[in-house]
N, C-alpha and C. Protein backbone atom coordinates (compact mmCIF):
# COMPACT_ATOMS: atom_id res chain seq x y z
N MET A 1 -0.12 12.23 18.75
CA MET A 1 -0.47 10.99 18.07
C MET A 1 -0.32 11.21 16.56
N GLU A 2 0.34 10.29 15.91
CA GLU A 2 0.53 10.40 14.46
C GLU A 2 -0.81 10.27 13.73
N ARG A 3 -0.92 11.00 12.62
CA ARG A 3 -2.14 10.93 11.82
C ARG A 3 -2.40 9.51 11.32
N SER A 4 -1.31 8.78 11.00
CA SER A 4 -1.49 7.42 10.48
C SER A 4 -2.07 6.49 11.54
N SER A 5 -1.74 6.76 12.82
CA SER A 5 -2.24 5.87 13.87
C SER A 5 -3.70 6.12 14.19
N THR A 6 -4.25 7.24 13.73
CA THR A 6 -5.69 7.46 13.89
C THR A 6 -6.44 7.13 12.60
N PHE A 7 -5.86 7.49 11.46
CA PHE A 7 -6.52 7.20 10.19
C PHE A 7 -6.60 5.70 9.94
N GLY A 8 -5.51 4.98 10.21
CA GLY A 8 -5.46 3.55 9.94
C GLY A 8 -6.61 2.77 10.56
N PRO A 9 -6.78 2.82 11.87
CA PRO A 9 -7.89 2.09 12.49
C PRO A 9 -9.26 2.56 12.01
N PHE A 10 -9.40 3.87 11.78
CA PHE A 10 -10.67 4.39 11.26
C PHE A 10 -10.99 3.74 9.91
N PHE A 11 -10.01 3.69 9.02
CA PHE A 11 -10.27 3.16 7.68
C PHE A 11 -10.43 1.63 7.71
N ILE A 12 -9.73 0.97 8.59
CA ILE A 12 -9.91 -0.48 8.75
C ILE A 12 -11.35 -0.76 9.19
N ALA A 13 -11.82 -0.04 10.19
CA ALA A 13 -13.19 -0.22 10.67
C ALA A 13 -14.20 0.07 9.57
N ALA A 14 -13.97 1.12 8.80
CA ALA A 14 -14.87 1.44 7.69
C ALA A 14 -14.90 0.30 6.68
N GLY A 15 -13.75 -0.26 6.39
CA GLY A 15 -13.69 -1.37 5.44
C GLY A 15 -14.38 -2.62 5.95
N VAL A 16 -14.21 -2.93 7.22
CA VAL A 16 -14.86 -4.10 7.82
C VAL A 16 -16.38 -3.99 7.70
N MET A 17 -16.89 -2.78 7.85
CA MET A 17 -18.34 -2.58 7.76
C MET A 17 -18.90 -3.00 6.40
N HIS A 18 -18.09 -2.98 5.35
CA HIS A 18 -18.55 -3.42 4.04
C HIS A 18 -18.89 -4.92 4.04
N PHE A 19 -18.27 -5.66 4.95
CA PHE A 19 -18.53 -7.10 5.05
C PHE A 19 -19.58 -7.40 6.11
N VAL A 20 -19.73 -6.51 7.08
CA VAL A 20 -20.74 -6.68 8.13
C VAL A 20 -22.13 -6.33 7.61
N ALA A 21 -22.22 -5.26 6.83
CA ALA A 21 -23.51 -4.78 6.32
C ALA A 21 -23.44 -4.50 4.82
N PRO A 22 -23.13 -5.51 4.01
CA PRO A 22 -22.95 -5.26 2.57
C PRO A 22 -24.22 -4.77 1.87
N ALA A 23 -25.38 -5.18 2.33
CA ALA A 23 -26.62 -4.75 1.68
C ALA A 23 -26.81 -3.24 1.78
N TRP A 24 -26.42 -2.65 2.91
CA TRP A 24 -26.55 -1.20 3.06
C TRP A 24 -25.66 -0.49 2.04
N TYR A 25 -24.42 -0.93 1.90
CA TYR A 25 -23.51 -0.31 0.95
C TYR A 25 -23.96 -0.55 -0.49
N GLU A 26 -24.50 -1.73 -0.73
CA GLU A 26 -25.01 -2.04 -2.07
C GLU A 26 -26.12 -1.07 -2.46
N ALA A 27 -26.95 -0.71 -1.51
CA ALA A 27 -28.09 0.18 -1.77
C ALA A 27 -27.66 1.59 -2.17
N ILE A 28 -26.44 2.00 -1.80
CA ILE A 28 -26.02 3.36 -2.12
C ILE A 28 -25.19 3.44 -3.40
N ILE A 29 -24.98 2.33 -4.04
CA ILE A 29 -24.25 2.34 -5.32
C ILE A 29 -25.22 2.76 -6.41
N PRO A 30 -24.82 3.74 -7.21
CA PRO A 30 -25.71 4.19 -8.29
C PRO A 30 -26.12 3.02 -9.18
N PRO A 31 -27.37 2.99 -9.61
CA PRO A 31 -27.87 1.86 -10.41
C PRO A 31 -27.11 1.65 -11.72
N SER A 32 -26.45 2.67 -12.22
CA SER A 32 -25.71 2.55 -13.48
C SER A 32 -24.40 1.78 -13.32
N MET A 33 -23.97 1.53 -12.10
CA MET A 33 -22.70 0.84 -11.86
C MET A 33 -22.92 -0.68 -11.87
N PRO A 34 -21.99 -1.42 -12.44
CA PRO A 34 -22.14 -2.88 -12.52
C PRO A 34 -21.75 -3.58 -11.21
N SER A 35 -22.29 -4.74 -11.00
CA SER A 35 -21.92 -5.65 -9.90
C SER A 35 -21.79 -4.95 -8.54
N PRO A 36 -22.89 -4.44 -8.01
CA PRO A 36 -22.81 -3.70 -6.74
C PRO A 36 -22.15 -4.48 -5.60
N ARG A 37 -22.47 -5.75 -5.43
CA ARG A 37 -21.88 -6.50 -4.31
C ARG A 37 -20.37 -6.62 -4.48
N ALA A 38 -19.91 -6.86 -5.70
CA ALA A 38 -18.47 -6.94 -5.94
C ALA A 38 -17.80 -5.60 -5.65
N LEU A 39 -18.45 -4.50 -6.02
CA LEU A 39 -17.90 -3.17 -5.74
C LEU A 39 -17.84 -2.90 -4.24
N VAL A 40 -18.84 -3.35 -3.51
CA VAL A 40 -18.86 -3.19 -2.05
C VAL A 40 -17.67 -3.93 -1.44
N TYR A 41 -17.48 -5.18 -1.85
CA TYR A 41 -16.38 -5.97 -1.30
C TYR A 41 -15.02 -5.40 -1.72
N ALA A 42 -14.91 -4.98 -2.98
CA ALA A 42 -13.63 -4.42 -3.45
C ALA A 42 -13.27 -3.14 -2.69
N SER A 43 -14.25 -2.27 -2.48
CA SER A 43 -13.95 -1.05 -1.74
C SER A 43 -13.65 -1.36 -0.28
N GLY A 44 -14.31 -2.36 0.28
CA GLY A 44 -14.01 -2.76 1.65
C GLY A 44 -12.60 -3.30 1.79
N VAL A 45 -12.18 -4.13 0.85
CA VAL A 45 -10.81 -4.66 0.86
C VAL A 45 -9.81 -3.51 0.72
N ALA A 46 -10.09 -2.58 -0.21
CA ALA A 46 -9.18 -1.44 -0.41
C ALA A 46 -9.06 -0.61 0.87
N GLU A 47 -10.17 -0.41 1.56
CA GLU A 47 -10.13 0.37 2.80
C GLU A 47 -9.34 -0.36 3.89
N ILE A 48 -9.56 -1.65 4.02
CA ILE A 48 -8.82 -2.42 5.03
C ILE A 48 -7.32 -2.41 4.71
N LEU A 49 -6.98 -2.69 3.45
CA LEU A 49 -5.56 -2.74 3.08
C LEU A 49 -4.88 -1.39 3.26
N SER A 50 -5.55 -0.32 2.86
CA SER A 50 -4.92 0.99 3.02
C SER A 50 -4.87 1.40 4.49
N GLY A 51 -5.87 1.01 5.27
CA GLY A 51 -5.84 1.30 6.71
C GLY A 51 -4.68 0.60 7.40
N VAL A 52 -4.49 -0.67 7.06
CA VAL A 52 -3.35 -1.41 7.63
C VAL A 52 -2.04 -0.83 7.09
N GLY A 53 -2.03 -0.55 5.80
CA GLY A 53 -0.81 -0.07 5.17
C GLY A 53 -0.27 1.24 5.72
N VAL A 54 -1.15 2.17 6.10
CA VAL A 54 -0.65 3.44 6.65
C VAL A 54 -0.06 3.26 8.04
N LEU A 55 -0.32 2.15 8.67
CA LEU A 55 0.25 1.88 10.00
C LEU A 55 1.66 1.32 9.91
N ILE A 56 2.07 0.92 8.71
CA ILE A 56 3.39 0.32 8.49
C ILE A 56 4.27 1.35 7.77
N PRO A 57 5.32 1.80 8.41
CA PRO A 57 6.13 2.87 7.80
C PRO A 57 6.58 2.59 6.35
N SER A 58 6.95 1.37 6.05
CA SER A 58 7.46 1.07 4.70
C SER A 58 6.37 1.09 3.62
N THR A 59 5.10 1.01 4.01
CA THR A 59 4.02 1.01 3.02
C THR A 59 3.11 2.23 3.15
N ARG A 60 3.44 3.10 4.09
CA ARG A 60 2.57 4.22 4.44
C ARG A 60 2.20 5.10 3.24
N ARG A 61 3.17 5.50 2.44
CA ARG A 61 2.89 6.41 1.32
C ARG A 61 2.01 5.75 0.26
N ARG A 62 2.32 4.51 -0.10
CA ARG A 62 1.49 3.81 -1.10
C ARG A 62 0.10 3.54 -0.57
N ALA A 63 0.00 3.18 0.69
CA ALA A 63 -1.32 2.93 1.29
C ALA A 63 -2.14 4.21 1.35
N SER A 64 -1.48 5.31 1.62
CA SER A 64 -2.17 6.60 1.62
C SER A 64 -2.72 6.90 0.23
N ALA A 65 -1.94 6.64 -0.80
CA ALA A 65 -2.39 6.85 -2.18
C ALA A 65 -3.58 5.95 -2.51
N LEU A 66 -3.55 4.70 -2.03
CA LEU A 66 -4.68 3.79 -2.24
C LEU A 66 -5.92 4.31 -1.53
N ALA A 67 -5.75 4.82 -0.32
CA ALA A 67 -6.89 5.36 0.42
C ALA A 67 -7.50 6.55 -0.33
N VAL A 68 -6.66 7.43 -0.83
CA VAL A 68 -7.16 8.58 -1.60
C VAL A 68 -7.91 8.11 -2.84
N ALA A 69 -7.33 7.16 -3.56
CA ALA A 69 -7.98 6.63 -4.77
C ALA A 69 -9.32 5.99 -4.42
N THR A 70 -9.37 5.28 -3.31
CA THR A 70 -10.61 4.64 -2.89
C THR A 70 -11.67 5.68 -2.54
N LEU A 71 -11.27 6.71 -1.83
CA LEU A 71 -12.23 7.77 -1.47
C LEU A 71 -12.77 8.47 -2.72
N ILE A 72 -11.93 8.66 -3.70
CA ILE A 72 -12.38 9.27 -4.96
C ILE A 72 -13.32 8.30 -5.69
N ALA A 73 -12.98 7.02 -5.69
CA ALA A 73 -13.78 6.02 -6.39
C ALA A 73 -15.18 5.85 -5.81
N VAL A 74 -15.31 6.02 -4.50
CA VAL A 74 -16.63 5.84 -3.88
C VAL A 74 -17.44 7.13 -3.85
N TYR A 75 -16.88 8.23 -4.30
CA TYR A 75 -17.59 9.51 -4.28
C TYR A 75 -18.92 9.47 -5.04
N PRO A 76 -19.01 8.74 -6.16
CA PRO A 76 -20.32 8.67 -6.83
C PRO A 76 -21.45 8.16 -5.94
N ALA A 77 -21.13 7.30 -4.98
CA ALA A 77 -22.17 6.84 -4.05
C ALA A 77 -22.66 7.99 -3.18
N ASN A 78 -21.74 8.86 -2.75
CA ASN A 78 -22.15 10.03 -1.96
C ASN A 78 -23.00 10.98 -2.79
N LEU A 79 -22.62 11.18 -4.04
CA LEU A 79 -23.41 12.03 -4.94
C LEU A 79 -24.81 11.44 -5.15
N TYR A 80 -24.86 10.13 -5.35
CA TYR A 80 -26.13 9.44 -5.57
C TYR A 80 -27.03 9.59 -4.34
N MET A 81 -26.46 9.42 -3.16
CA MET A 81 -27.25 9.55 -1.94
C MET A 81 -27.79 10.97 -1.78
N ALA A 82 -26.97 11.97 -2.09
CA ALA A 82 -27.42 13.36 -1.97
C ALA A 82 -28.49 13.67 -3.02
N ALA A 83 -28.30 13.15 -4.22
CA ALA A 83 -29.28 13.39 -5.29
C ALA A 83 -30.61 12.70 -5.00
N ARG A 84 -30.56 11.60 -4.29
CA ARG A 84 -31.75 10.83 -3.95
C ARG A 84 -32.01 10.91 -2.45
N ALA A 85 -31.87 12.10 -1.90
CA ALA A 85 -32.01 12.29 -0.46
C ALA A 85 -33.33 11.75 0.06
N ASP A 86 -34.38 11.85 -0.75
CA ASP A 86 -35.69 11.33 -0.32
C ASP A 86 -35.64 9.84 -0.03
N LYS A 87 -34.78 9.12 -0.72
CA LYS A 87 -34.65 7.67 -0.54
C LYS A 87 -33.78 7.31 0.67
N PHE A 88 -32.82 8.15 1.00
CA PHE A 88 -31.82 7.80 2.00
C PHE A 88 -31.90 8.58 3.32
N GLU A 89 -32.64 9.69 3.36
CA GLU A 89 -32.58 10.56 4.53
C GLU A 89 -33.00 9.89 5.83
N ARG A 90 -33.85 8.90 5.77
CA ARG A 90 -34.27 8.21 7.00
C ARG A 90 -33.32 7.08 7.40
N LYS A 91 -32.37 6.76 6.53
CA LYS A 91 -31.43 5.67 6.80
C LYS A 91 -30.09 6.15 7.32
N VAL A 92 -29.90 7.47 7.31
CA VAL A 92 -28.62 8.06 7.70
C VAL A 92 -28.84 8.97 8.90
N PRO A 93 -28.07 8.78 9.98
CA PRO A 93 -28.19 9.69 11.11
C PRO A 93 -27.95 11.13 10.64
N GLY A 94 -28.83 12.02 11.02
CA GLY A 94 -28.71 13.41 10.59
C GLY A 94 -29.57 13.73 9.38
N GLY A 95 -30.13 12.68 8.77
CA GLY A 95 -31.06 12.85 7.66
C GLY A 95 -30.49 13.56 6.45
N ARG A 96 -31.33 14.34 5.82
CA ARG A 96 -31.00 15.04 4.57
C ARG A 96 -29.75 15.91 4.73
N TRP A 97 -29.65 16.62 5.86
CA TRP A 97 -28.49 17.47 6.08
C TRP A 97 -27.20 16.66 6.03
N ALA A 98 -27.20 15.49 6.66
CA ALA A 98 -26.00 14.65 6.69
C ALA A 98 -25.63 14.16 5.29
N LEU A 99 -26.62 13.90 4.47
CA LEU A 99 -26.33 13.46 3.10
C LEU A 99 -25.60 14.53 2.31
N TYR A 100 -25.99 15.78 2.51
CA TYR A 100 -25.32 16.88 1.83
C TYR A 100 -23.95 17.16 2.46
N ALA A 101 -23.86 17.01 3.76
CA ALA A 101 -22.60 17.27 4.47
C ALA A 101 -21.53 16.25 4.08
N ARG A 102 -21.94 15.06 3.67
CA ARG A 102 -20.98 14.03 3.26
C ARG A 102 -20.16 14.46 2.05
N LEU A 103 -20.72 15.31 1.21
CA LEU A 103 -20.02 15.68 -0.03
C LEU A 103 -18.71 16.42 0.27
N PRO A 104 -18.72 17.52 1.02
CA PRO A 104 -17.43 18.15 1.33
C PRO A 104 -16.61 17.35 2.36
N LEU A 105 -17.28 16.54 3.17
CA LEU A 105 -16.56 15.72 4.14
C LEU A 105 -15.60 14.77 3.43
N GLN A 106 -15.95 14.33 2.25
CA GLN A 106 -15.08 13.43 1.50
C GLN A 106 -13.73 14.12 1.24
N GLY A 107 -13.76 15.42 0.99
CA GLY A 107 -12.51 16.16 0.81
C GLY A 107 -11.67 16.17 2.08
N ALA A 108 -12.32 16.29 3.21
CA ALA A 108 -11.60 16.25 4.49
C ALA A 108 -10.99 14.87 4.72
N LEU A 109 -11.72 13.83 4.35
CA LEU A 109 -11.17 12.47 4.49
C LEU A 109 -9.98 12.27 3.57
N ILE A 110 -10.05 12.82 2.37
CA ILE A 110 -8.92 12.72 1.44
C ILE A 110 -7.70 13.44 2.03
N ALA A 111 -7.92 14.61 2.59
CA ALA A 111 -6.82 15.35 3.22
C ALA A 111 -6.22 14.54 4.38
N TRP A 112 -7.07 13.90 5.16
CA TRP A 112 -6.60 13.08 6.28
C TRP A 112 -5.79 11.90 5.77
N ALA A 113 -6.28 11.25 4.71
CA ALA A 113 -5.56 10.12 4.12
C ALA A 113 -4.19 10.56 3.60
N ARG A 114 -4.14 11.71 2.96
CA ARG A 114 -2.86 12.23 2.47
C ARG A 114 -1.92 12.54 3.63
N ALA A 115 -2.45 13.14 4.67
CA ALA A 115 -1.63 13.47 5.83
C ALA A 115 -1.11 12.18 6.51
N ALA A 116 -1.91 11.15 6.52
CA ALA A 116 -1.50 9.88 7.13
C ALA A 116 -0.31 9.28 6.38
N GLY A 117 -0.21 9.56 5.11
CA GLY A 117 0.91 9.06 4.32
C GLY A 117 2.22 9.80 4.58
N LYS A 118 2.12 10.94 5.23
CA LYS A 118 3.30 11.77 5.49
C LYS A 118 3.80 11.67 6.92
N SER A 119 3.04 11.01 7.79
CA SER A 119 3.45 10.97 9.20
C SER A 119 4.43 9.85 9.47
């Protein structure tokens, strides 16, 4: 199975969740960032577009780059959640450990997004 055919649906589903549960995503945006709801929707759109884009051979490379950029852009939310583990540990399956595990996991997701652009 091509990496793009697994990454694409995964990232589409992740993006859809931004519209299904926007309040949850809004809560993980660092307070210093402006317009949390707009950021939630923008990152959701970027995830959906890049997920669809990696499934189309002619847009695969650009969509992969968008996915990588999106994953880098949302990393501050992962840092914020880890730094405020006391606030988020009961809201995330796996608790405090999962919040810390998300930090290096983002690198694995970036590698997967890059690989999806090459398949």
